[in-house]
Each structure stands twice: as structure tokens, then as C-alpha cells.
Amino acid sequence: MERTLKTLFLITLIASVNVLIANTFSLKVHHNGDVVNSNDTAYYWGGVAKFDIVVELDITNDSNADVTYTWIKNKENMTNLWEVAICDKNNCYLSSVTEKSFTLSAGEQGIINAHFYPSGAAGQGILDLDVFNASDTTDLATIIYKVTAYPTGIGDSQLSTYDFEVYPSPASDYINISFDDNEINDVEIYNILGKKLSTIKLNKNTIYNITDLPTGLYFIKVKDSQGVVHTKSFVRN
């Protein structure tokens, strides 16, 4: 029996969706109707728990004829224990299913949702999904879903327009941390288990040496002058 898919936003996560738009169909974010174009990103985060996460996209047949579309899981890069499964117009599938097709009539809207199962493990999940017209494989969209789940102990983060950057990522020697808030003095670095590794005293733009960190995923937390916590991640390679 196929696993029941639920949408629970009970964890700390960042979900991003990047799409290259095709010819006969278009994609939108389900919850707000925003058109999804190349390099668009949607962020979500909260507190870590056992959860299912769904990134919901609507797909619309913009042509004047019935079209059969095929989706293929092109590449997965998951933290250990993570899984990802797809729901389309016809069904919700097990994570082991890598390819299916569905038909949309002219003007009809369907779904192409990615369900991530981190199983309580902090980390990252990335899925490259190809969606294309089965009769014309050049009529193609490549969707990149990326989800980051933060461990317990980092604290509750909130979405804002706050200008806080960490780059490059991946990085091997140094990262740059920059922000536009004169009242921020301390930045905390955590590992994937939620253990605080260090507290950095900052200026507006600080270069931090990471050569003593093992390879892996790390998180940086700052609190702005209004007391709002902001968290970003970087990879040490």
C-alpha cells in the first residue's frame, strides 16, 4: 500500500524551487499563485520534528489540445534517511517510483508536488525533476526542489526581507558573512546535530576561517535588532 502523504510544516526548513519554463505548460506555486520562473526561491522554516514536507506546484496545460506529460526523477541528493516522493494529477507515489505520465486537457490544471521525508534527521534534500510533453521532449521544464531541515537548538527563525548573506557555499577555506544591521555583534555557528560550535564577533562584513571544520553542512544564526532570529546554511567541502 502506498504511503499516505501529509503536509506538516512543523520543522525548520528552507525549501527552494527553481524552474525552467517550457512551451505548452506553465507552473505556479500552489499556495499563493506566484508564477515560477528560473531562479525563483521559496523559503520555509520552523522547529525540527518528525514530519512530511510538501512543496506544491500547479501545472497548467496552456495549449489548445490535450497533452500527456511525463515526469522523471533525474537526480536525488539526500541526507541519510531522507526520501522524496511525487504526487501528480493521477496519484501519489512511493519514493521508489521514478517516472510516471498524466494527461491534461486544454486549459486544465494539475499538480506536480514533491513530498520530502526527512524522518526527523536534520540535513538537506535536493531533487531534480524533468517534466516534459511526451510527444515533444523539447517541451521541457527542469524543476529543482531543495529543502534544508535545521536541527533542534538553533531556535525559531522567521522569514523577512532582512539582508543577511553567507557565501560562498560550498566553501573550503573561508566564508563571508555580511549584513545591514549595526546592532548585530554576535553570530553563532552550529553543526547538523544542533551543537553550537562557536560565536563570532562581527563587523558588517566578516571573513571567517572554516579550515578547522570537518566537511559537511553547517548553520549560521543571527538575531537582528528587533529580536528576530535568521538562519542560513553553508557547506564545507
Protein backbone atom coordinates (compact mmCIF):
# COMPACT_ATOMS: atom_id res chain seq x y z
CA MET A 1 0.00 0.00 0.00
CA GLU A 2 1.31 3.40 -0.91
CA ARG A 3 2.34 5.71 1.88
CA THR A 4 -0.14 8.40 2.88
CA LEU A 5 1.29 11.82 2.14
CA LYS A 6 0.68 14.66 4.56
CA THR A 7 1.70 18.30 4.65
CA LEU A 8 3.09 19.25 8.05
CA PHE A 9 5.05 22.50 8.40
CA LEU A 10 6.40 21.64 11.86
CA ILE A 11 10.12 21.75 11.16
CA THR A 12 12.81 24.21 10.41
CA LEU A 13 13.48 24.16 6.73
CA ILE A 14 14.32 26.10 3.66
CA ALA A 15 12.55 24.98 0.51
CA SER A 16 13.58 26.36 -2.82
CA VAL A 17 12.16 25.71 -6.27
CA ASN A 18 13.96 26.66 -9.48
CA VAL A 19 12.22 26.04 -12.81
CA LEU A 20 12.99 26.48 -16.49
CA ILE A 21 9.61 27.17 -18.10
CA ALA A 22 8.51 25.10 -21.11
CA ASN A 23 6.24 25.86 -24.10
CA THR A 24 2.80 24.24 -23.68
CA PHE A 25 2.62 24.38 -19.90
CA SER A 26 3.28 26.73 -17.01
CA LEU A 27 3.96 26.26 -13.31
CA LYS A 28 2.82 28.23 -10.26
CA VAL A 29 3.30 27.99 -6.51
CA HIS A 30 0.06 26.48 -5.21
CA HIS A 31 -0.43 28.47 -2.00
CA ASN A 32 -0.06 31.96 -3.47
CA GLY A 33 -0.35 31.63 -7.25
CA ASP A 34 3.09 33.09 -7.96
CA VAL A 35 4.43 32.16 -11.39
CA VAL A 36 7.54 30.02 -11.00
CA ASN A 37 10.36 31.21 -13.25
CA SER A 38 14.03 30.32 -13.42
CA ASN A 39 15.86 31.00 -10.12
CA ASP A 40 12.73 31.78 -8.10
CA THR A 41 13.07 30.63 -4.49
CA ALA A 42 10.50 29.95 -1.73
CA TYR A 43 11.67 29.70 1.90
CA TYR A 44 10.04 27.93 4.86
CA TRP A 45 11.33 27.21 8.36
CA GLY A 46 10.16 26.34 11.91
CA GLY A 47 11.21 23.82 14.64
CA VAL A 48 12.55 20.32 13.90
CA ALA A 49 10.11 17.41 14.45
CA LYS A 50 9.11 14.18 12.76
CA PHE A 51 7.41 15.38 9.60
CA ASP A 52 6.42 15.17 5.95
CA ILE A 53 7.11 18.29 3.85
CA VAL A 54 5.32 19.01 0.59
CA VAL A 55 6.43 21.60 -1.96
CA GLU A 56 3.31 22.21 -4.04
CA LEU A 57 3.30 23.34 -7.66
CA ASP A 58 0.36 23.68 -10.04
CA ILE A 59 0.93 22.74 -13.68
CA THR A 60 -1.39 24.11 -16.38
CA ASN A 61 -1.75 22.98 -19.98
CA ASP A 62 -1.64 26.31 -21.82
CA SER A 63 -2.19 24.78 -25.27
CA ASN A 64 -5.49 24.25 -27.11
CA ALA A 65 -5.22 20.44 -27.17
CA ASP A 66 -4.90 17.53 -24.77
CA VAL A 67 -1.28 16.87 -23.78
CA THR A 68 0.29 13.93 -21.97
CA TYR A 69 3.14 14.97 -19.69
CA THR A 70 5.83 12.73 -18.22
CA TRP A 71 7.88 13.40 -15.11
CA ILE A 72 11.19 11.71 -14.37
CA LYS A 73 13.28 11.91 -11.23
CA ASN A 74 16.56 12.94 -12.82
CA LYS A 75 18.77 13.19 -9.74
CA GLU A 76 18.42 12.96 -5.96
CA ASN A 77 20.90 14.12 -3.35
CA MET A 78 19.60 13.37 0.12
CA THR A 79 20.82 13.31 3.69
CA ASN A 80 20.83 9.75 5.06
CA LEU A 81 17.29 8.52 5.92
CA TRP A 82 15.63 11.13 3.70
CA GLU A 83 13.18 10.17 0.95
CA VAL A 84 11.22 12.12 -1.64
CA ALA A 85 8.03 11.13 -3.46
CA ILE A 86 5.93 12.75 -6.19
CA CYS A 87 2.20 13.43 -6.41
CA ASP A 88 0.69 14.26 -9.80
CA LYS A 89 -2.85 14.60 -11.16
CA ASN A 90 -3.37 10.83 -11.12
CA ASN A 91 -1.86 9.63 -7.87
CA CYS A 92 0.64 9.97 -5.03
CA TYR A 93 3.51 7.53 -5.47
CA LEU A 94 6.05 5.76 -3.32
CA SER A 95 9.53 7.27 -3.15
CA SER A 96 10.80 4.32 -5.23
CA VAL A 97 8.73 5.42 -8.26
CA THR A 98 10.95 7.42 -10.62
CA GLU A 99 8.76 8.01 -13.71
CA LYS A 100 5.05 8.46 -14.49
CA SER A 101 2.77 10.19 -17.02
CA PHE A 102 -0.53 12.06 -16.80
CA THR A 103 -2.78 13.86 -19.30
CA LEU A 104 -4.15 17.40 -19.05
CA SER A 105 -6.88 18.64 -21.34
CA ALA A 106 -6.61 22.09 -22.94
CA GLY A 107 -6.53 24.69 -20.17
CA GLU A 108 -6.67 22.08 -17.40
CA GLN A 109 -4.65 22.48 -14.21
CA GLY A 110 -3.00 19.63 -12.31
CA ILE A 111 -0.35 19.22 -9.63
CA ILE A 112 3.31 18.24 -9.57
CA ASN A 113 4.18 18.12 -5.87
CA ALA A 114 7.39 16.89 -4.24
CA HIS A 115 6.99 15.31 -0.79
CA PHE A 116 10.16 15.16 1.29
CA TYR A 117 10.51 12.73 4.23
CA PRO A 118 13.50 13.72 6.41
CA SER A 119 12.46 11.19 9.12
CA GLY A 120 13.49 13.62 11.85
CA ALA A 121 17.05 13.94 10.52
CA ALA A 122 18.45 17.44 10.03
CA GLY A 123 20.08 18.00 6.67
CA GLN A 124 19.30 18.66 3.03
CA GLY A 125 17.31 17.10 0.23
CA ILE A 126 17.65 18.03 -3.44
CA LEU A 127 15.53 16.64 -6.27
CA ASP A 128 15.96 17.39 -9.97
CA LEU A 129 12.68 16.58 -11.72
CA ASP A 130 12.22 16.70 -15.50
CA VAL A 131 8.66 17.36 -16.72
CA PHE A 132 8.04 17.21 -20.46
CA ASN A 133 5.50 16.79 -23.23
CA ALA A 134 5.51 13.07 -24.07
CA SER A 135 5.03 13.91 -27.76
CA ASP A 136 7.73 16.58 -27.86
CA THR A 137 10.64 16.15 -25.45
CA THR A 138 11.92 19.65 -26.25
CA ASP A 139 8.80 20.95 -24.47
CA LEU A 140 10.56 20.55 -21.13
CA ALA A 141 10.83 22.05 -17.66
CA THR A 142 13.58 21.09 -15.22
CA ILE A 143 12.45 21.60 -11.65
CA ILE A 144 14.98 21.71 -8.81
CA TYR A 145 13.47 21.24 -5.36
CA LYS A 146 15.81 21.95 -2.44
CA VAL A 147 14.87 21.51 1.22
CA THR A 148 17.04 22.16 4.27
CA ALA A 149 15.87 20.98 7.71
CA TYR A 150 17.53 22.69 10.68
CA PRO A 151 18.26 20.76 13.89
CA THR A 152 16.69 21.49 17.26
CA GLY A 153 18.69 24.03 19.26
CA ILE A 154 19.17 26.61 16.55
CA GLY A 155 15.92 28.33 17.52
CA ASP A 156 12.87 29.56 15.70
CA SER A 157 13.59 31.52 12.54
CA GLN A 158 11.28 33.84 10.67
CA LEU A 159 11.02 34.85 7.04
CA SER A 160 11.84 38.50 6.36
CA THR A 161 13.46 40.82 3.87
CA TYR A 162 16.46 41.11 6.19
CA ASP A 163 19.72 41.40 4.25
CA PHE A 164 21.95 38.63 5.60
CA GLU A 165 24.35 36.76 3.32
CA VAL A 166 26.72 33.82 3.72
CA TYR A 167 28.93 32.96 0.74
CA PRO A 168 30.40 31.06 -1.00
CA SER A 169 28.77 27.68 -0.45
CA PRO A 170 30.29 25.18 -0.82
CA ALA A 171 33.47 26.66 0.66
CA SER A 172 36.77 25.09 1.64
CA ASP A 173 38.78 27.83 3.38
CA TYR A 174 36.72 30.93 4.21
CA ILE A 175 33.14 32.18 4.21
CA ASN A 176 31.97 35.78 4.01
CA ILE A 177 29.21 36.88 6.40
CA SER A 178 27.58 40.22 5.64
CA PHE A 179 24.50 42.06 6.92
CA ASP A 180 22.93 45.53 7.16
CA ASP A 181 22.24 45.86 10.88
CA ASN A 182 24.62 47.90 13.03
CA GLU A 183 23.22 46.37 16.24
CA ILE A 184 24.30 42.79 15.43
CA ASN A 185 27.51 41.80 17.18
CA ASP A 186 27.37 38.02 17.54
CA VAL A 187 26.87 35.25 15.01
CA GLU A 188 26.59 31.61 16.10
CA ILE A 189 27.69 28.58 14.09
CA TYR A 190 26.02 25.17 14.59
CA ASN A 191 26.66 21.72 13.19
CA ILE A 192 24.00 19.42 11.75
CA LEU A 193 23.28 17.95 15.21
CA GLY A 194 22.37 21.37 16.60
CA LYS A 195 25.56 21.76 18.65
CA LYS A 196 26.87 25.32 18.86
CA LEU A 197 30.47 25.33 17.67
CA SER A 198 31.43 28.96 18.06
CA THR A 199 30.29 32.55 18.49
CA ILE A 200 31.83 35.14 16.18
CA LYS A 201 32.19 38.85 16.93
CA LEU A 202 31.34 40.64 13.72
CA ASN A 203 31.66 43.82 11.80
CA LYS A 204 29.28 44.47 8.90
CA ASN A 205 31.32 42.21 6.66
CA THR A 206 33.43 39.45 8.19
CA ILE A 207 35.58 36.74 6.64
CA TYR A 208 35.58 33.59 8.77
CA ASN A 209 38.16 30.81 8.54
CA ILE A 210 36.48 27.38 8.31
CA THR A 211 39.54 25.23 7.63
CA ASP A 212 39.23 23.60 11.08
CA LEU A 213 35.68 22.38 10.36
CA PRO A 214 35.12 18.85 9.02
CA THR A 215 33.34 18.58 5.67
CA GLY A 216 29.57 18.79 5.99
CA LEU A 217 26.55 21.05 6.41
CA TYR A 218 26.62 23.95 8.91
CA PHE A 219 24.18 26.64 10.05
CA ILE A 220 24.71 30.29 10.94
CA LYS A 221 22.26 32.07 13.26
CA VAL A 222 21.96 35.80 13.88
CA LYS A 223 19.42 37.84 15.85
CA ASP A 224 18.53 41.23 14.42
CA SER A 225 17.85 44.44 16.34
CA GLN A 226 14.14 43.53 16.60
CA GLY A 227 14.97 40.18 18.20
CA VAL A 228 14.08 38.14 15.11
CA VAL A 229 16.32 35.11 14.52
CA HIS A 230 17.62 34.49 10.99
CA THR A 231 19.34 31.28 9.95
CA LYS A 232 21.30 30.34 6.84
CA SER A 233 23.36 27.32 5.90
CA PHE A 234 26.66 26.64 4.18
CA VAL A 235 28.57 23.56 3.10
CA ARG A 236 32.23 22.95 3.98
CA ASN A 237 33.81 20.82 1.25
